Amino acid sequence: MLIEVCASNIQSALAAQGAGAHRIELCTALDGGGLTPSAGLLREVLRRLRIGVHVLIRPREGNFCYDDAEMQIMLDDIRICRQTGAHGVVIGALDTAGRIDIPKMQAMLEAAAGLDVTCHRAFDYTADPLEALETLIDLGFKRVLSSGQAVSAYEGRFVLQKMVERAAGRIIVMPGAGLSARNIREVAGTTGALEFHLTGRKKIVQPHPGGEIPGLEWWYWESREEILREAMAALA
């Protein structure tokens, strides 16, 4: 079994390594579904980690239908990842009909040549997940991250099971969203998946002198080594 930790800061990346995770997906802005991290964060993570580092490529919150300017941003971010030494990228783009946007995905795959490439949870908004899975296989993706088009991977475990069966080893189906020590074993047993994506996060609240200001909250999310270890032990 392989564990990937979604890490949104240097503390979370180090916690993932300390817990024995195999890989991280580096991003920021978890409450918005994740955005591309800064080059500075990526460089520091690569300097300090010995495990795999995959980078989320997503230029904004919201839907996964991108215009030409946004595509250029994503292509540049992929090139930065390659130049910096990241091991993989996590990408996704849809058309307005809810299908995989093949031209945009092909462009990003070309930019990511030589890197490990995952399709992110844009997949969970596709109109037909099994059709989308075949499209990703035809494009040459190594894996897809999915909750089974549900709020959590636990709730979507039966769709994930169908995806794993349909994939038949041609692509890795990696359950993610809401996985914890309470449910990861059942998700694994139901789906037959071999890779899992989780945050193991805790809200870190720091004391501060004033009141709350919307948009300037005094707390942040951090993956915790003990939470990750508990989930990994449950899976084992």
Protein backbone atom coordinates (compact mmCIF):
# COMPACT_ATOMS: atom_id res chain seq x y z
CA MET A 1 0.00 0.00 0.00
CA LEU A 2 1.25 3.48 -0.87
CA ILE A 3 0.31 6.64 1.01
CA GLU A 4 0.35 10.11 -0.56
CA VAL A 5 -0.14 13.07 1.77
CA CYS A 6 -1.69 16.31 0.56
CA ALA A 7 0.68 18.89 2.10
CA SER A 8 -0.07 22.61 1.98
CA ASN A 9 2.97 23.95 3.85
CA ILE A 10 6.47 22.94 4.88
CA GLN A 11 5.29 21.67 8.27
CA SER A 12 2.85 19.27 6.61
CA ALA A 13 5.48 18.05 4.17
CA LEU A 14 7.88 17.25 7.00
CA ALA A 15 5.10 15.55 8.98
CA ALA A 16 4.34 13.33 5.97
CA GLN A 17 7.98 12.28 5.72
CA GLY A 18 8.21 11.72 9.46
CA ALA A 19 5.12 9.51 9.45
CA GLY A 20 6.57 7.29 6.73
CA ALA A 21 4.44 8.42 3.80
CA HIS A 22 5.75 7.53 0.37
CA ARG A 23 4.94 10.78 -1.44
CA ILE A 24 3.33 14.18 -1.04
CA GLU A 25 1.11 16.25 -3.26
CA LEU A 26 2.28 19.81 -2.63
CA CYS A 27 -0.32 22.56 -2.87
CA THR A 28 -1.73 25.57 -1.04
CA ALA A 29 -5.25 26.86 -0.21
CA LEU A 30 -6.79 23.56 0.85
CA ASP A 31 -10.13 25.19 1.70
CA GLY A 32 -10.46 26.16 -1.95
CA GLY A 33 -9.65 22.67 -3.18
CA GLY A 34 -5.93 23.35 -3.56
CA LEU A 35 -3.85 25.68 -5.72
CA THR A 36 -0.33 25.61 -7.16
CA PRO A 37 2.30 26.31 -4.47
CA SER A 38 4.96 28.99 -4.75
CA ALA A 39 8.36 28.23 -6.25
CA GLY A 40 9.92 29.10 -2.90
CA LEU A 41 7.84 26.51 -1.05
CA LEU A 42 8.59 23.91 -3.71
CA ARG A 43 12.34 24.52 -3.51
CA GLU A 44 12.38 24.29 0.29
CA VAL A 45 10.32 21.08 0.26
CA LEU A 46 12.61 19.48 -2.32
CA ARG A 47 15.64 20.52 -0.29
CA ARG A 48 14.36 18.91 2.89
CA LEU A 49 12.41 15.84 1.75
CA ARG A 50 13.71 12.46 0.67
CA ILE A 51 10.31 11.17 -0.52
CA GLY A 52 8.51 11.88 -3.79
CA VAL A 53 7.12 15.37 -4.38
CA HIS A 54 4.25 15.86 -6.81
CA VAL A 55 2.93 19.37 -7.39
CA LEU A 56 -0.67 20.43 -7.93
CA ILE A 57 -1.12 22.53 -11.06
CA ARG A 58 -4.25 24.64 -10.60
CA PRO A 59 -4.26 28.41 -11.17
CA ARG A 60 -7.46 29.38 -9.38
CA GLU A 61 -10.39 28.15 -7.36
CA GLY A 62 -13.67 27.17 -9.00
CA ASN A 63 -14.38 25.10 -12.07
CA PHE A 64 -11.85 23.25 -14.22
CA CYS A 65 -12.64 24.90 -17.55
CA TYR A 66 -9.67 27.07 -18.44
CA ASP A 67 -9.11 29.83 -21.01
CA ASP A 68 -5.93 30.37 -23.00
CA ALA A 69 -4.34 32.68 -20.44
CA GLU A 70 -4.91 30.18 -17.65
CA MET A 71 -3.47 27.42 -19.82
CA GLN A 72 -0.27 29.42 -20.30
CA ILE A 73 -0.01 29.84 -16.53
CA MET A 74 -0.37 26.09 -16.00
CA LEU A 75 2.14 25.23 -18.71
CA ASP A 76 4.65 27.65 -17.18
CA ASP A 77 4.06 26.18 -13.72
CA ILE A 78 4.71 22.69 -15.09
CA ARG A 79 7.99 23.88 -16.63
CA ILE A 80 9.00 25.42 -13.30
CA CYS A 81 8.31 22.09 -11.61
CA ARG A 82 10.53 20.27 -14.10
CA GLN A 83 13.33 22.82 -13.76
CA THR A 84 13.13 22.80 -9.97
CA GLY A 85 13.33 19.02 -9.70
CA ALA A 86 9.80 17.96 -8.75
CA HIS A 87 9.06 14.28 -9.33
CA GLY A 88 5.56 14.69 -10.71
CA VAL A 89 2.64 17.01 -11.39
CA VAL A 90 -1.09 16.72 -10.73
CA ILE A 91 -3.23 18.21 -13.49
CA GLY A 92 -6.77 18.34 -14.82
CA ALA A 93 -9.00 20.22 -17.26
CA LEU A 94 -12.59 19.75 -18.39
CA ASP A 95 -14.68 21.11 -21.24
CA THR A 96 -18.06 22.76 -20.66
CA ALA A 97 -19.86 19.45 -21.26
CA GLY A 98 -18.07 17.83 -18.31
CA ARG A 99 -15.68 15.72 -20.36
CA ILE A 100 -11.91 15.53 -20.16
CA ASP A 101 -10.54 18.44 -22.22
CA ILE A 102 -8.28 16.37 -24.45
CA PRO A 103 -6.35 19.18 -26.22
CA LYS A 104 -5.52 20.94 -22.95
CA MET A 105 -4.61 17.71 -21.20
CA GLN A 106 -2.35 16.71 -24.10
CA ALA A 107 -0.60 20.09 -23.94
CA MET A 108 0.05 19.68 -20.22
CA LEU A 109 1.25 16.10 -20.69
CA GLU A 110 3.73 17.29 -23.30
CA ALA A 111 5.00 20.00 -20.96
CA ALA A 112 5.35 17.38 -18.21
CA ALA A 113 7.31 14.88 -20.32
CA GLY A 114 9.51 12.78 -18.04
CA LEU A 115 7.45 13.51 -14.91
CA ASP A 116 4.98 11.27 -13.11
CA VAL A 117 1.52 12.62 -14.00
CA THR A 118 -1.72 12.30 -12.02
CA CYS A 119 -5.18 13.59 -12.96
CA HIS A 120 -6.62 15.47 -10.00
CA ARG A 121 -10.19 15.61 -8.72
CA ALA A 122 -11.47 17.52 -11.73
CA PHE A 123 -12.22 13.90 -12.61
CA ASP A 124 -14.97 13.89 -9.99
CA TYR A 125 -16.91 16.47 -12.01
CA THR A 126 -16.93 14.47 -15.24
CA ALA A 127 -20.31 13.51 -16.65
CA ASP A 128 -19.38 9.83 -17.06
CA PRO A 129 -16.53 8.62 -14.81
CA LEU A 130 -15.94 5.33 -16.61
CA GLU A 131 -15.77 7.06 -19.99
CA ALA A 132 -13.43 9.67 -18.49
CA LEU A 133 -11.28 6.88 -17.07
CA GLU A 134 -10.84 5.39 -20.55
CA THR A 135 -9.90 8.82 -21.89
CA LEU A 136 -7.19 9.20 -19.25
CA ILE A 137 -5.86 5.73 -20.09
CA ASP A 138 -5.75 6.59 -23.80
CA LEU A 139 -3.89 9.83 -23.00
CA GLY A 140 -1.29 7.93 -20.98
CA PHE A 141 -1.96 9.11 -17.43
CA LYS A 142 -0.32 7.05 -14.70
CA ARG A 143 -3.02 7.60 -12.06
CA VAL A 144 -6.22 9.41 -11.21
CA LEU A 145 -7.17 10.86 -7.81
CA SER A 146 -10.86 10.48 -7.07
CA SER A 147 -13.46 10.37 -4.33
CA GLY A 148 -15.72 8.31 -6.57
CA GLN A 149 -17.63 11.52 -7.39
CA ALA A 150 -18.83 11.78 -3.80
CA VAL A 151 -18.15 14.09 -0.88
CA SER A 152 -15.68 11.56 0.51
CA ALA A 153 -13.90 8.48 -0.74
CA TYR A 154 -15.78 6.45 1.85
CA GLU A 155 -19.14 7.55 0.42
CA GLY A 156 -17.86 6.99 -3.11
CA ARG A 157 -16.18 3.65 -2.39
CA PHE A 158 -18.49 1.58 -4.60
CA VAL A 159 -17.92 3.85 -7.61
CA LEU A 160 -14.19 3.65 -6.85
CA GLN A 161 -14.51 -0.13 -6.81
CA LYS A 162 -15.99 -0.04 -10.31
CA MET A 163 -13.20 2.27 -11.44
CA VAL A 164 -10.50 -0.06 -10.11
CA GLU A 165 -12.15 -3.03 -11.80
CA ARG A 166 -12.52 -1.11 -15.09
CA ALA A 167 -8.92 0.11 -14.93
CA ALA A 168 -7.65 -3.47 -14.66
CA GLY A 169 -4.13 -2.28 -13.96
CA ARG A 170 -4.01 0.12 -16.92
CA ILE A 171 -4.11 3.18 -14.63
CA ILE A 172 -3.79 3.60 -10.87
CA VAL A 173 -7.03 4.66 -9.16
CA MET A 174 -6.10 6.51 -5.96
CA PRO A 175 -8.96 7.14 -3.50
CA GLY A 176 -8.82 10.49 -1.74
CA ALA A 177 -11.04 12.91 0.24
CA GLY A 178 -11.97 12.40 3.87
CA LEU A 179 -9.76 9.35 4.48
CA SER A 180 -8.77 8.72 8.07
CA ALA A 181 -8.01 5.94 10.53
CA ARG A 182 -11.77 5.44 10.91
CA ASN A 183 -12.49 4.51 7.31
CA ILE A 184 -9.35 3.90 5.27
CA ARG A 185 -9.30 0.15 5.88
CA GLU A 186 -12.87 -0.29 4.67
CA VAL A 187 -12.22 1.88 1.61
CA ALA A 188 -9.17 -0.24 0.82
CA GLY A 189 -11.07 -3.49 1.27
CA THR A 190 -14.03 -2.39 -0.83
CA THR A 191 -12.15 -0.76 -3.69
CA GLY A 192 -9.08 -2.96 -4.03
CA ALA A 193 -7.00 0.21 -4.50
CA LEU A 194 -3.30 0.19 -3.68
CA GLU A 195 -2.60 3.94 -3.35
CA PHE A 196 -4.36 6.36 -1.02
CA HIS A 197 -4.41 10.15 -0.66
CA LEU A 198 -5.06 11.89 2.65
CA THR A 199 -4.23 15.05 4.58
CA GLY A 200 -4.14 13.92 8.22
CA ARG A 201 -4.70 17.56 9.01
CA LYS A 202 -5.51 19.51 12.14
CA LYS A 203 -6.57 23.13 12.51
CA ILE A 204 -3.76 25.09 14.16
CA VAL A 205 -5.18 28.02 16.11
CA GLN A 206 -2.75 30.60 17.44
CA PRO A 207 -3.55 33.17 20.15
CA HIS A 208 -4.01 36.69 18.84
CA PRO A 209 -4.90 40.07 20.34
CA GLY A 210 -7.92 41.06 18.24
CA GLY A 211 -11.20 39.73 16.94
CA GLU A 212 -11.78 37.62 13.86
CA ILE A 213 -11.56 39.32 10.48
CA PRO A 214 -13.14 37.37 7.59
CA GLY A 215 -10.47 36.48 5.06
CA LEU A 216 -7.70 37.10 7.57
CA GLU A 217 -8.24 34.16 9.90
CA TRP A 218 -5.58 33.46 12.51
CA TRP A 219 -5.61 29.68 12.02
CA TYR A 220 -4.31 27.33 9.35
CA TRP A 221 -4.34 23.62 8.47
CA GLU A 222 -1.36 21.42 9.16
CA SER A 223 -0.86 17.69 8.55
CA ARG A 224 0.12 16.02 11.81
CA GLU A 225 2.50 13.11 12.03
CA GLU A 226 0.49 11.32 14.72
CA ILE A 227 -2.75 11.50 12.70
CA LEU A 228 -1.00 10.17 9.60
CA ARG A 229 0.62 7.36 11.54
CA GLU A 230 -2.75 6.34 12.98
CA ALA A 231 -4.29 6.13 9.48
CA MET A 232 -1.32 4.20 8.11
CA ALA A 233 -1.50 1.76 11.02
CA ALA A 234 -5.21 1.23 10.37
CA LEU A 235 -4.48 0.50 6.72
CA ALA A 236 -1.70 -1.94 7.60
